[in-house]
PDB file of N, CA and C in Angstrom:
ATOM      1  N   MET A   1      24.570 148.979 159.248  1.00  0.00           N
ATOM      2  CA  MET A   1      25.244 148.564 160.383  1.00  0.00           C
ATOM      3  C   MET A   1      25.819 147.611 160.305  1.00  0.00           C
ATOM      4  N   SER A   2      27.015 147.130 160.268  1.00  0.00           N
ATOM      5  CA  SER A   2      27.884 146.145 160.933  1.00  0.00           C
ATOM      6  C   SER A   2      27.051 144.815 161.569  1.00  0.00           C
ATOM      7  N   HIS A   3      27.584 143.687 161.061  1.00  0.00           N
ATOM      8  CA  HIS A   3      26.965 142.119 161.810  1.00  0.00           C
ATOM      9  C   HIS A   3      28.833 141.454 162.039  1.00  0.00           C
ATOM     10  N   PHE A   4      28.750 141.325 163.430  1.00  0.00           N
ATOM     11  CA  PHE A   4      29.911 140.613 164.046  1.00  0.00           C
ATOM     12  C   PHE A   4      28.947 138.904 163.777  1.00  0.00           C
ATOM     13  N   LEU A   5      29.632 138.438 163.224  1.00  0.00           N
ATOM     14  CA  LEU A   5      29.808 136.968 162.918  1.00  0.00           C
ATOM     15  C   LEU A   5      30.726 136.092 163.831  1.00  0.00           C
ATOM     16  N   LEU A   6      30.046 135.075 164.324  1.00  0.00           N
ATOM     17  CA  LEU A   6      30.687 134.459 165.436  1.00  0.00           C
ATOM     18  C   LEU A   6      30.889 132.901 164.489  1.00  0.00           C
ATOM     19  N   LEU A   7      32.400 132.697 165.052  1.00  0.00           N
ATOM     20  CA  LEU A   7      32.411 131.360 163.750  1.00  0.00           C
ATOM     21  C   LEU A   7      33.404 130.443 164.822  1.00  0.00           C
ATOM     22  N   ASP A   8      33.505 129.150 164.874  1.00  0.00           N
ATOM     23  CA  ASP A   8      33.964 128.373 165.538  1.00  0.00           C
ATOM     24  C   ASP A   8      35.034 127.801 164.543  1.00  0.00           C
ATOM     25  N   ASP A   9      35.653 126.683 165.007  1.00  0.00           N
ATOM     26  CA  ASP A   9      36.871 125.902 164.233  1.00  0.00           C
ATOM     27  C   ASP A   9      36.264 124.927 163.443  1.00  0.00           C
ATOM     28  N   SER A  10      34.677 124.544 163.378  1.00  0.00           N
ATOM     29  CA  SER A  10      34.112 123.654 162.375  1.00  0.00           C
ATOM     30  C   SER A  10      33.847 124.161 161.229  1.00  0.00           C
ATOM     31  N   ASP A  11      33.129 125.983 161.480  1.00  0.00           N
ATOM     32  CA  ASP A  11      32.712 126.850 160.263  1.00  0.00           C
ATOM     33  C   ASP A  11      33.939 127.120 159.409  1.00  0.00           C
ATOM     34  N   VAL A  12      35.289 127.253 160.239  1.00  0.00           N
ATOM     35  CA  VAL A  12      36.752 127.523 159.216  1.00  0.00           C
ATOM     36  C   VAL A  12      36.524 126.068 158.492  1.00  0.00           C
ATOM     37  N   GLN A  13      36.812 125.446 159.257  1.00  0.00           N
ATOM     38  CA  GLN A  13      37.077 123.904 158.631  1.00  0.00           C
ATOM     39  C   GLN A  13      36.247 123.796 157.209  1.00  0.00           C
ATOM     40  N   HIS A  14      34.987 123.660 157.741  1.00  0.00           N
ATOM     41  CA  HIS A  14      34.365 123.547 156.988  1.00  0.00           C
ATOM     42  C   HIS A  14      34.443 124.677 155.240  1.00  0.00           C
ATOM     43  N   ALA A  15      34.746 125.865 155.333  1.00  0.00           N
ATOM     44  CA  ALA A  15      34.493 126.929 154.608  1.00  0.00           C
ATOM     45  C   ALA A  15      35.477 126.113 153.512  1.00  0.00           C
ATOM     46  N   PHE A  16      36.927 126.026 154.195  1.00  0.00           N
ATOM     47  CA  PHE A  16      37.897 125.325 153.363  1.00  0.00           C
ATOM     48  C   PHE A  16      37.393 124.354 152.877  1.00  0.00           C
ATOM     49  N   ALA A  17      36.646 123.261 153.353  1.00  0.00           N
ATOM     50  CA  ALA A  17      36.442 121.899 152.204  1.00  0.00           C
ATOM     51  C   ALA A  17      35.950 122.568 151.102  1.00  0.00           C
ATOM     52  N   VAL A  18      34.596 123.130 151.222  1.00  0.00           N
ATOM     53  CA  VAL A  18      34.067 123.891 150.161  1.00  0.00           C
ATOM     54  C   VAL A  18      34.730 124.105 149.556  1.00  0.00           C
ATOM     55  N   HIS A  19      35.510 125.698 149.774  1.00  0.00           N
ATOM     56  CA  HIS A  19      36.574 126.129 148.541  1.00  0.00           C
ATOM     57  C   HIS A  19      37.392 125.321 147.588  1.00  0.00           C
ATOM     58  N   LEU A  20      37.993 124.341 148.265  1.00  0.00           N
ATOM     59  CA  LEU A  20      38.935 123.505 147.476  1.00  0.00           C
ATOM     60  C   LEU A  20      38.018 122.079 146.889  1.00  0.00           C
ATOM     61  N   ARG A  21      36.983 121.843 147.176  1.00  0.00           N
ATOM     62  CA  ARG A  21      36.208 121.043 146.440  1.00  0.00           C
ATOM     63  C   ARG A  21      35.758 121.670 145.311  1.00  0.00           C
ATOM     64  N   LYS A  22      35.076 123.052 145.579  1.00  0.00           N
ATOM     65  CA  LYS A  22      34.654 123.857 144.402  1.00  0.00           C
ATOM     66  C   LYS A  22      35.710 123.853 143.201  1.00  0.00           C
ATOM     67  N   ARG A  23      37.042 124.265 143.761  1.00  0.00           N
ATOM     68  CA  ARG A  23      38.193 124.248 142.973  1.00  0.00           C
ATOM     69  C   ARG A  23      38.082 123.031 142.309  1.00  0.00           C
ATOM     70  N   ARG A  24      38.162 121.843 142.695  1.00  0.00           N
ATOM     71  CA  ARG A  24      38.472 120.645 141.957  1.00  0.00           C
ATOM     72  C   ARG A  24      37.888 120.396 140.844  1.00  0.00           C
ATOM     73  N   GLU A  25      36.010 120.806 141.510  1.00  0.00           N
ATOM     74  CA  GLU A  25      35.191 120.755 140.234  1.00  0.00           C
ATOM     75  C   GLU A  25      35.303 121.474 139.331  1.00  0.00           C
ATOM     76  N   GLN A  26      35.609 122.589 139.668  1.00  0.00           N
ATOM     77  CA  GLN A  26      36.082 123.676 138.401  1.00  0.00           C
ATOM     78  C   GLN A  26      36.666 123.362 137.260  1.00  0.00           C
ATOM     79  N   GLU A  27      38.271 122.457 137.861  1.00  0.00           N
ATOM     80  CA  GLU A  27      38.962 121.797 137.007  1.00  0.00           C
ATOM     81  C   GLU A  27      38.648 120.659 136.886  1.00  0.00           C
ATOM     82  N   LYS A  28      37.736 120.043 136.771  1.00  0.00           N
ATOM     83  CA  LYS A  28      36.903 118.867 136.626  1.00  0.00           C
ATOM     84  C   LYS A  28      38.040 117.821 136.850  1.00  0.00           C
ATOM     85  N   LEU A  29      38.575 117.907 137.985  1.00  0.00           N
ATOM     86  CA  LEU A  29      39.381 116.775 138.310  1.00  0.00           C
ATOM     87  C   LEU A  29      38.507 115.680 139.377  1.00  0.00           C
ATOM     88  N   SER A  30      39.042 114.231 139.544  1.00  0.00           N
ATOM     89  CA  SER A  30      38.297 113.740 139.972  1.00  0.00           C
ATOM     90  C   SER A  30      38.916 113.726 141.979  1.00  0.00           C
ATOM     91  N   ARG A  31      38.492 113.065 142.628  1.00  0.00           N
ATOM     92  CA  ARG A  31      39.578 113.093 143.981  1.00  0.00           C
ATOM     93  C   ARG A  31      40.933 112.318 143.671  1.00  0.00           C
ATOM     94  N   ASP A  32      40.686 111.035 142.661  1.00  0.00           N
ATOM     95  CA  ASP A  32      41.971 110.503 142.224  1.00  0.00           C
ATOM     96  C   ASP A  32      43.024 111.351 141.650  1.00  0.00           C
ATOM     97  N   ALA A  33      42.427 112.017 140.772  1.00  0.00           N
ATOM     98  CA  ALA A  33      43.241 112.968 139.719  1.00  0.00           C
ATOM     99  C   ALA A  33      43.887 113.715 140.721  1.00  0.00           C
ATOM    100  N   LEU A  34      43.249 114.364 141.639  1.00  0.00           N
ATOM    101  CA  LEU A  34      43.702 115.497 142.791  1.00  0.00           C
ATOM    102  C   LEU A  34      44.608 114.955 143.340  1.00  0.00           C
ATOM    103  N   ALA A  35      44.707 113.352 144.022  1.00  0.00           N
ATOM    104  CA  ALA A  35      45.438 112.838 144.530  1.00  0.00           C
ATOM    105  C   ALA A  35      46.826 112.787 144.221  1.00  0.00           C
ATOM    106  N   ALA A  36      46.602 112.479 142.615  1.00  0.00           N
ATOM    107  CA  ALA A  36      47.809 112.207 142.250  1.00  0.00           C
ATOM    108  C   ALA A  36      48.873 113.800 142.090  1.00  0.00           C
ATOM    109  N   ARG A  37      47.668 114.809 141.814  1.00  0.00           N
ATOM    110  CA  ARG A  37      48.846 116.213 141.686  1.00  0.00           C
ATOM    111  C   ARG A  37      49.228 116.387 143.030  1.00  0.00           C
ATOM    112  N   SER A  38      48.572 116.143 144.022  1.00  0.00           N
ATOM    113  CA  SER A  38      48.653 116.457 145.586  1.00  0.00           C
ATOM    114  C   SER A  38      49.465 116.278 146.347  1.00  0.00           C
ATOM    115  N   GLY A  39      49.674 114.574 146.188  1.00  0.00           N
ATOM    116  CA  GLY A  39      50.205 113.345 147.107  1.00  0.00           C
ATOM    117  C   GLY A  39      49.523 112.958 148.422  1.00  0.00           C
ATOM    118  N   VAL A  40      47.770 113.756 148.107  1.00  0.00           N
ATOM    119  CA  VAL A  40      47.642 113.518 149.076  1.00  0.00           C
ATOM    120  C   VAL A  40      46.640 112.357 148.882  1.00  0.00           C
ATOM    121  N   PRO A  41      46.028 111.327 149.764  1.00  0.00           N
ATOM    122  CA  PRO A  41      45.371 110.053 149.345  1.00  0.00           C
ATOM    123  C   PRO A  41      43.712 110.529 148.879  1.00  0.00           C
ATOM    124  N   ALA A  42      43.694 109.898 147.925  1.00  0.00           N
ATOM    125  CA  ALA A  42      41.958 110.219 147.902  1.00  0.00           C
ATOM    126  C   ALA A  42      41.202 109.657 148.809  1.00  0.00           C
ATOM    127  N   PRO A  43      41.128 108.698 149.488  1.00  0.00           N
ATOM    128  CA  PRO A  43      40.136 108.353 150.748  1.00  0.00           C
ATOM    129  C   PRO A  43      40.277 110.055 151.713  1.00  0.00           C
ATOM    130  N   THR A  44      41.471 110.462 151.949  1.00  0.00           N
ATOM    131  CA  THR A  44      41.517 112.003 152.871  1.00  0.00           C
ATOM    132  C   THR A  44      40.925 112.430 152.074  1.00  0.00           C
ATOM    133  N   ILE A  45      41.156 112.817 150.918  1.00  0.00           N
ATOM    134  CA  ILE A  45      40.322 114.151 149.734  1.00  0.00           C
ATOM    135  C   ILE A  45      39.008 114.260 150.590  1.00  0.00           C
ATOM    136  N   LYS A  46      38.740 112.984 149.960  1.00  0.00           N
ATOM    137  CA  LYS A  46      37.211 112.475 150.407  1.00  0.00           C
ATOM    138  C   LYS A  46      36.090 112.798 151.774  1.00  0.00           C
ATOM    139  N   LYS A  47      37.035 112.492 152.922  1.00  0.00           N
ATOM    140  CA  LYS A  47      36.989 112.518 154.137  1.00  0.00           C
ATOM    141  C   LYS A  47      36.837 114.155 154.543  1.00  0.00           C
ATOM    142  N   PHE A  48      38.164 114.801 154.099  1.00  0.00           N
ATOM    143  CA  PHE A  48      38.198 116.232 153.928  1.00  0.00           C
ATOM    144  C   PHE A  48      36.925 117.086 153.183  1.00  0.00           C
ATOM    145  N   GLU A  49      36.613 116.554 152.195  1.00  0.00           N
ATOM    146  CA  GLU A  49      35.165 117.350 151.774  1.00  0.00           C
ATOM    147  C   GLU A  49      34.169 117.217 152.335  1.00  0.00           C
ATOM    148  N   LEU A  50      33.839 116.093 153.060  1.00  0.00           N
ATOM    149  CA  LEU A  50      32.440 115.398 154.218  1.00  0.00           C
ATOM    150  C   LEU A  50      32.589 116.293 155.074  1.00  0.00           C
ATOM    151  N   THR A  51      33.577 116.245 155.917  1.00  0.00           N
ATOM    152  CA  THR A  51      33.702 116.478 157.336  1.00  0.00           C
ATOM    153  C   THR A  51      34.935 117.814 157.798  1.00  0.00           C
ATOM    154  N   GLY A  52      35.633 117.923 156.916  1.00  0.00           N
ATOM    155  CA  GLY A  52      36.074 119.411 156.945  1.00  0.00           C
ATOM    156  C   GLY A  52      37.893 119.045 157.791  1.00  0.00           C
ATOM    157  N   GLN A  53      37.909 117.626 158.139  1.00  0.00           N
ATOM    158  CA  GLN A  53      38.821 117.017 158.915  1.00  0.00           C
ATOM    159  C   GLN A  53      40.474 116.888 157.697  1.00  0.00           C
ATOM    160  N   ILE A  54      41.236 117.398 158.061  1.00  0.00           N
ATOM    161  CA  ILE A  54      42.533 117.039 157.410  1.00  0.00           C
ATOM    162  C   ILE A  54      44.096 117.681 158.170  1.00  0.00           C
ATOM    163  N   SER A  55      44.669 117.164 158.021  1.00  0.00           N
ATOM    164  CA  SER A  55      45.896 117.730 158.836  1.00  0.00           C
ATOM    165  C   SER A  55      46.865 119.110 158.017  1.00  0.00           C
ATOM    166  N   PHE A  56      47.240 119.683 158.142  1.00  0.00           N
ATOM    167  CA  PHE A  56      47.480 120.988 158.024  1.00  0.00           C
ATOM    168  C   PHE A  56      48.120 121.051 157.281  1.00  0.00           C
ATOM    169  N   ARG A  57      49.334 120.079 157.411  1.00  0.00           N
ATOM    170  CA  ARG A  57      50.372 120.332 155.827  1.00  0.00           C
ATOM    171  C   ARG A  57      49.679 119.260 154.314  1.00  0.00           C
ATOM    172  N   GLN A  58      48.728 118.316 154.937  1.00  0.00           N
ATOM    173  CA  GLN A  58      47.800 117.833 153.555  1.00  0.00           C
ATOM    174  C   GLN A  58      46.896 119.024 152.801  1.00  0.00           C
ATOM    175  N   LEU A  59      46.111 119.728 154.192  1.00  0.00           N
ATOM    176  CA  LEU A  59      45.667 121.127 153.485  1.00  0.00           C
ATOM    177  C   LEU A  59      46.431 122.083 152.497  1.00  0.00           C
ATOM    178  N   LEU A  60      47.921 122.134 153.184  1.00  0.00           N
ATOM    179  CA  LEU A  60      48.767 123.170 152.414  1.00  0.00           C
ATOM    180  C   LEU A  60      48.764 122.672 151.169  1.00  0.00           C
ATOM    181  N   LEU A  61      49.153 121.142 150.650  1.00  0.00           N
ATOM    182  CA  LEU A  61      49.509 120.726 149.615  1.00  0.00           C
ATOM    183  C   LEU A  61      47.873 120.328 148.780  1.00  0.00           C
ATOM    184  N   LEU A  62      46.743 120.458 149.197  1.00  0.00           N
ATOM    185  CA  LEU A  62      45.664 120.491 148.124  1.00  0.00           C
ATOM    186  C   LEU A  62      45.219 121.890 147.805  1.00  0.00           C
ATOM    187  N   TRP A  63      45.570 122.819 148.792  1.00  0.00           N
ATOM    188  CA  TRP A  63      45.834 124.423 148.702  1.00  0.00           C
ATOM    189  C   TRP A  63      46.368 124.465 147.691  1.00  0.00           C
ATOM    190  N   GLN A  64      47.935 124.581 147.719  1.00  0.00           N
ATOM    191  CA  GLN A  64      48.873 124.458 146.494  1.00  0.00           C
ATOM    192  C   GLN A  64      48.902 123.855 145.173  1.00  0.00           C
ATOM    193  N   SER A  65      47.977 122.488 145.057  1.00  0.00           N
ATOM    194  CA  SER A  65      47.541 122.111 143.772  1.00  0.00           C
ATOM    195  C   SER A  65      45.593 122.905 143.272  1.00  0.00           C
ATOM    196  N   LEU A  66      45.287 123.252 143.868  1.00  0.00           N
ATOM    197  CA  LEU A  66      44.206 124.014 143.440  1.00  0.00           C
ATOM    198  C   LEU A  66      43.761 125.316 143.214  1.00  0.00           C
ATOM    199  N   ASP A  67      44.979 126.257 143.927  1.00  0.00           N
ATOM    200  CA  ASP A  67      44.279 127.664 144.526  1.00  0.00           C
ATOM    201  C   ASP A  67      46.266 128.063 144.419  1.00  0.00           C
ATOM    202  N   GLU A  68      46.356 129.653 144.851  1.00  0.00           N
ATOM    203  CA  GLU A  68      47.350 129.957 144.865  1.00  0.00           C
ATOM    204  C   GLU A  68      47.688 129.615 146.394  1.00  0.00           C
ATOM    205  N   LEU A  69      48.642 129.393 146.628  1.00  0.00           N
ATOM    206  CA  LEU A  69      49.222 129.468 148.220  1.00  0.00           C
ATOM    207  C   LEU A  69      49.402 130.916 148.397  1.00  0.00           C
ATOM    208  N   SER A  70      50.075 131.654 148.180  1.00  0.00           N
ATOM    209  CA  SER A  70      50.554 133.008 148.378  1.00  0.00           C
ATOM    210  C   SER A  70      49.072 133.613 149.131  1.00  0.00           C
ATOM    211  N   ARG A  71      47.723 133.325 148.531  1.00  0.00           N
ATOM    212  CA  ARG A  71      46.803 133.776 149.001  1.00  0.00           C
ATOM    213  C   ARG A  71      45.989 133.331 150.169  1.00  0.00           C
ATOM    214  N   LEU A  72      46.874 132.127 150.400  1.00  0.00           N
ATOM    215  CA  LEU A  72      46.619 131.411 151.681  1.00  0.00           C
ATOM    216  C   LEU A  72      47.603 132.489 152.936  1.00  0.00           C
ATOM    217  N   PHE A  73      48.755 132.274 152.334  1.00  0.00           N
ATOM    218  CA  PHE A  73      49.597 133.164 152.969  1.00  0.00           C
ATOM    219  C   PHE A  73      49.632 134.354 153.421  1.00  0.00           C
ATOM    220  N   ALA A  74      48.900 135.219 152.496  1.00  0.00           N
ATOM    221  CA  ALA A  74      48.387 136.493 152.846  1.00  0.00           C
ATOM    222  C   ALA A  74      47.743 137.231 153.956  1.00  0.00           C
ATOM    223  N   LEU A  75      46.772 135.333 154.349  1.00  0.00           N
ATOM    224  CA  LEU A  75      46.116 135.798 155.387  1.00  0.00           C
ATOM    225  C   LEU A  75      46.975 136.155 156.961  1.00  0.00           C
ATOM    226  N   THR A  76      48.229 135.664 156.877  1.00  0.00           N
ATOM    227  CA  THR A  76      49.199 135.771 157.893  1.00  0.00           C
ATOM    228  C   THR A  76      49.725 137.345 158.002  1.00  0.00           C
ATOM    229  N   GLN A  77      49.576 138.154 157.159  1.00  0.00           N
ATOM    230  CA  GLN A  77      50.329 139.269 156.902  1.00  0.00           C
ATOM    231  C   GLN A  77      49.046 140.230 157.676  1.00  0.00           C
ATOM    232  N   ASN A  78      50.301 141.225 157.818  1.00  0.00           N
ATOM    233  CA  ASN A  78      49.638 142.455 158.863  1.00  0.00           C
ATOM    234  C   ASN A  78      48.682 142.147 159.462  1.00  0.00           C
ATOM    235  N   THR A  79      48.746 141.155 160.845  1.00  0.00           N
ATOM    236  CA  THR A  79      47.829 140.517 161.708  1.00  0.00           C
ATOM    237  C   THR A  79      47.693 141.838 162.302  1.00  0.00           C
ATOM    238  N   GLU A  80      48.340 142.383 162.454  1.00  0.00           N
ATOM    239  CA  GLU A  80      48.354 143.453 163.945  1.00  0.00           C
ATOM    240  C   GLU A  80      47.360 144.558 163.122  1.00  0.00           C
ATOM    241  N   ASN A  81      47.141 145.080 161.999  1.00  0.00           N
ATOM    242  CA  ASN A  81      46.210 145.945 161.716  1.00  0.00           C
ATOM    243  C   ASN A  81      44.660 145.082 161.172  1.00  0.00           C
ATOM    244  N   ASN A  82      45.025 144.009 160.940  1.00  0.00           N
ATOM    245  CA  ASN A  82      43.525 143.205 160.727  1.00  0.00           C
ATOM    246  C   ASN A  82      43.007 142.984 162.225  1.00  0.00           C
ATOM    247  N   GLN A  83      44.234 142.930 163.447  1.00  0.00           N
ATOM    248  CA  GLN A  83      43.281 142.552 164.493  1.00  0.00           C
ATOM    249  C   GLN A  83      42.675 143.873 165.450  1.00  0.00           C
ATOM    250  N   SER A  84      43.122 145.110 165.321  1.00  0.00           N
ATOM    251  CA  SER A  84      43.146 146.440 165.745  1.00  0.00           C
ATOM    252  C   SER A  84      41.848 146.830 165.569  1.00  0.00           C
ATOM    253  N   SER A  85      40.941 146.410 164.289  1.00  0.00           N
ATOM    254  CA  SER A  85      40.075 146.802 164.110  1.00  0.00           C
ATOM    255  C   SER A  85      38.666 145.709 164.808  1.00  0.00           C
ATOM    256  N   MET A  86      39.183 144.489 165.393  1.00  0.00           N
ATOM    257  CA  MET A  86      38.455 143.322 166.133  1.00  0.00           C
ATOM    258  C   MET A  86      38.308 143.950 167.339  1.00  0.00           C
ATOM    259  N   PRO A  87      37.120 143.736 167.911  1.00  0.00           N
ATOM    260  CA  PRO A  87      36.695 144.288 169.328  1.00  0.00           C
ATOM    261  C   PRO A  87      37.233 143.000 169.848  1.00  0.00           C
ATOM    262  N   THR A  88      37.376 143.942 171.334  1.00  0.00           N
ATOM    263  CA  THR A  88      38.511 143.173 172.197  1.00  0.00           C
ATOM    264  C   THR A  88      37.464 142.679 173.397  1.00  0.00           C
ATOM    265  N   SER A  89      36.079 143.098 173.612  1.00  0.00           N
ATOM    266  CA  SER A  89      35.283 143.160 174.766  1.00  0.00           C
ATOM    267  C   SER A  89      33.930 143.011 174.316  1.00  0.00           C
ATOM    268  N   ILE A  90      32.995 142.481 174.892  1.00  0.00           N
ATOM    269  CA  ILE A  90      31.774 142.364 174.568  1.00  0.00           C
ATOM    270  C   ILE A  90      31.410 144.091 174.615  1.00  0.00           C
ATOM    271  N   GLU A  91      31.872 144.694 175.432  1.00  0.00           N
ATOM    272  CA  GLU A  91      31.579 146.092 175.768  1.00  0.00           C
ATOM    273  C   GLU A  91      31.592 147.058 174.159  1.00  0.00           C
ATOM    274  N   GLU A  92      32.864 146.513 173.664  1.00  0.00           N
ATOM    275  CA  GLU A  92      33.181 146.795 172.740  1.00  0.00           C
ATOM    276  C   GLU A  92      32.084 146.730 171.138  1.00  0.00           C
ATOM    277  N   VAL A  93      31.824 145.331 171.271  1.00  0.00           N
ATOM    278  CA  VAL A  93      30.859 144.840 170.325  1.00  0.00           C
ATOM    279  C   VAL A  93      29.679 145.871 170.204  1.00  0.00           C
ATOM    280  N   LEU A  94      28.676 145.966 172.273  1.00  0.00           N
ATOM    281  CA  LEU A  94      27.832 146.554 171.836  1.00  0.00           C
ATOM    282  C   LEU A  94      27.910 147.944 171.656  1.00  0.00           C
ATOM    283  N   LYS A  95      28.915 148.636 172.194  1.00  0.00           N
ATOM    284  CA  LYS A  95      29.244 150.327 171.722  1.00  0.00           C
ATOM    285  C   LYS A  95      29.445 150.385 170.557  1.00  0.00           C
ATOM    286  N   ASN A  96      30.087 149.297 169.721  1.00  0.00           N
ATOM    287  CA  ASN A  96      30.081 149.715 168.168  1.00  0.00           C
ATOM    288  C   ASN A  96      29.257 149.004 167.160  1.00  0.00           C
ATOM    289  N   GLY A  97      28.412 148.271 167.646  1.00  0.00           N
ATOM    290  CA  GLY A  97      27.157 147.420 166.701  1.00  0.00           C
ATOM    291  C   GLY A  97      27.969 146.963 165.989  1.00  0.00           C
ATOM    292  N   PHE A  98      28.877 145.818 166.649  1.00  0.00           N
ATOM    293  CA  PHE A  98      29.710 144.977 165.733  1.00  0.00           C
ATOM    294  C   PHE A  98      28.099 143.594 165.239  1.00  0.00           C
TER     295      PHE A  98
END
């Protein structure tokens, strides 16, 4: 049986923050070193890692510095195929056991 996961914007922001912090730590970069690499101020990186709050542009700069930007871009491709598998009503959720 599949499980339907309900996410809100805070969950996604937190997931991005956790992912990028792990990548920073894997590369043994301090926030200051990442700031120099990305152009995003170290206090902004700290705030992002703690709260998930950041501008979209700064998120992209950090992502580009720590991960493949093409992976993030890929999420925007083939949205028609991805959306067709998602339920559009509570009836579909109940019927299909998401």
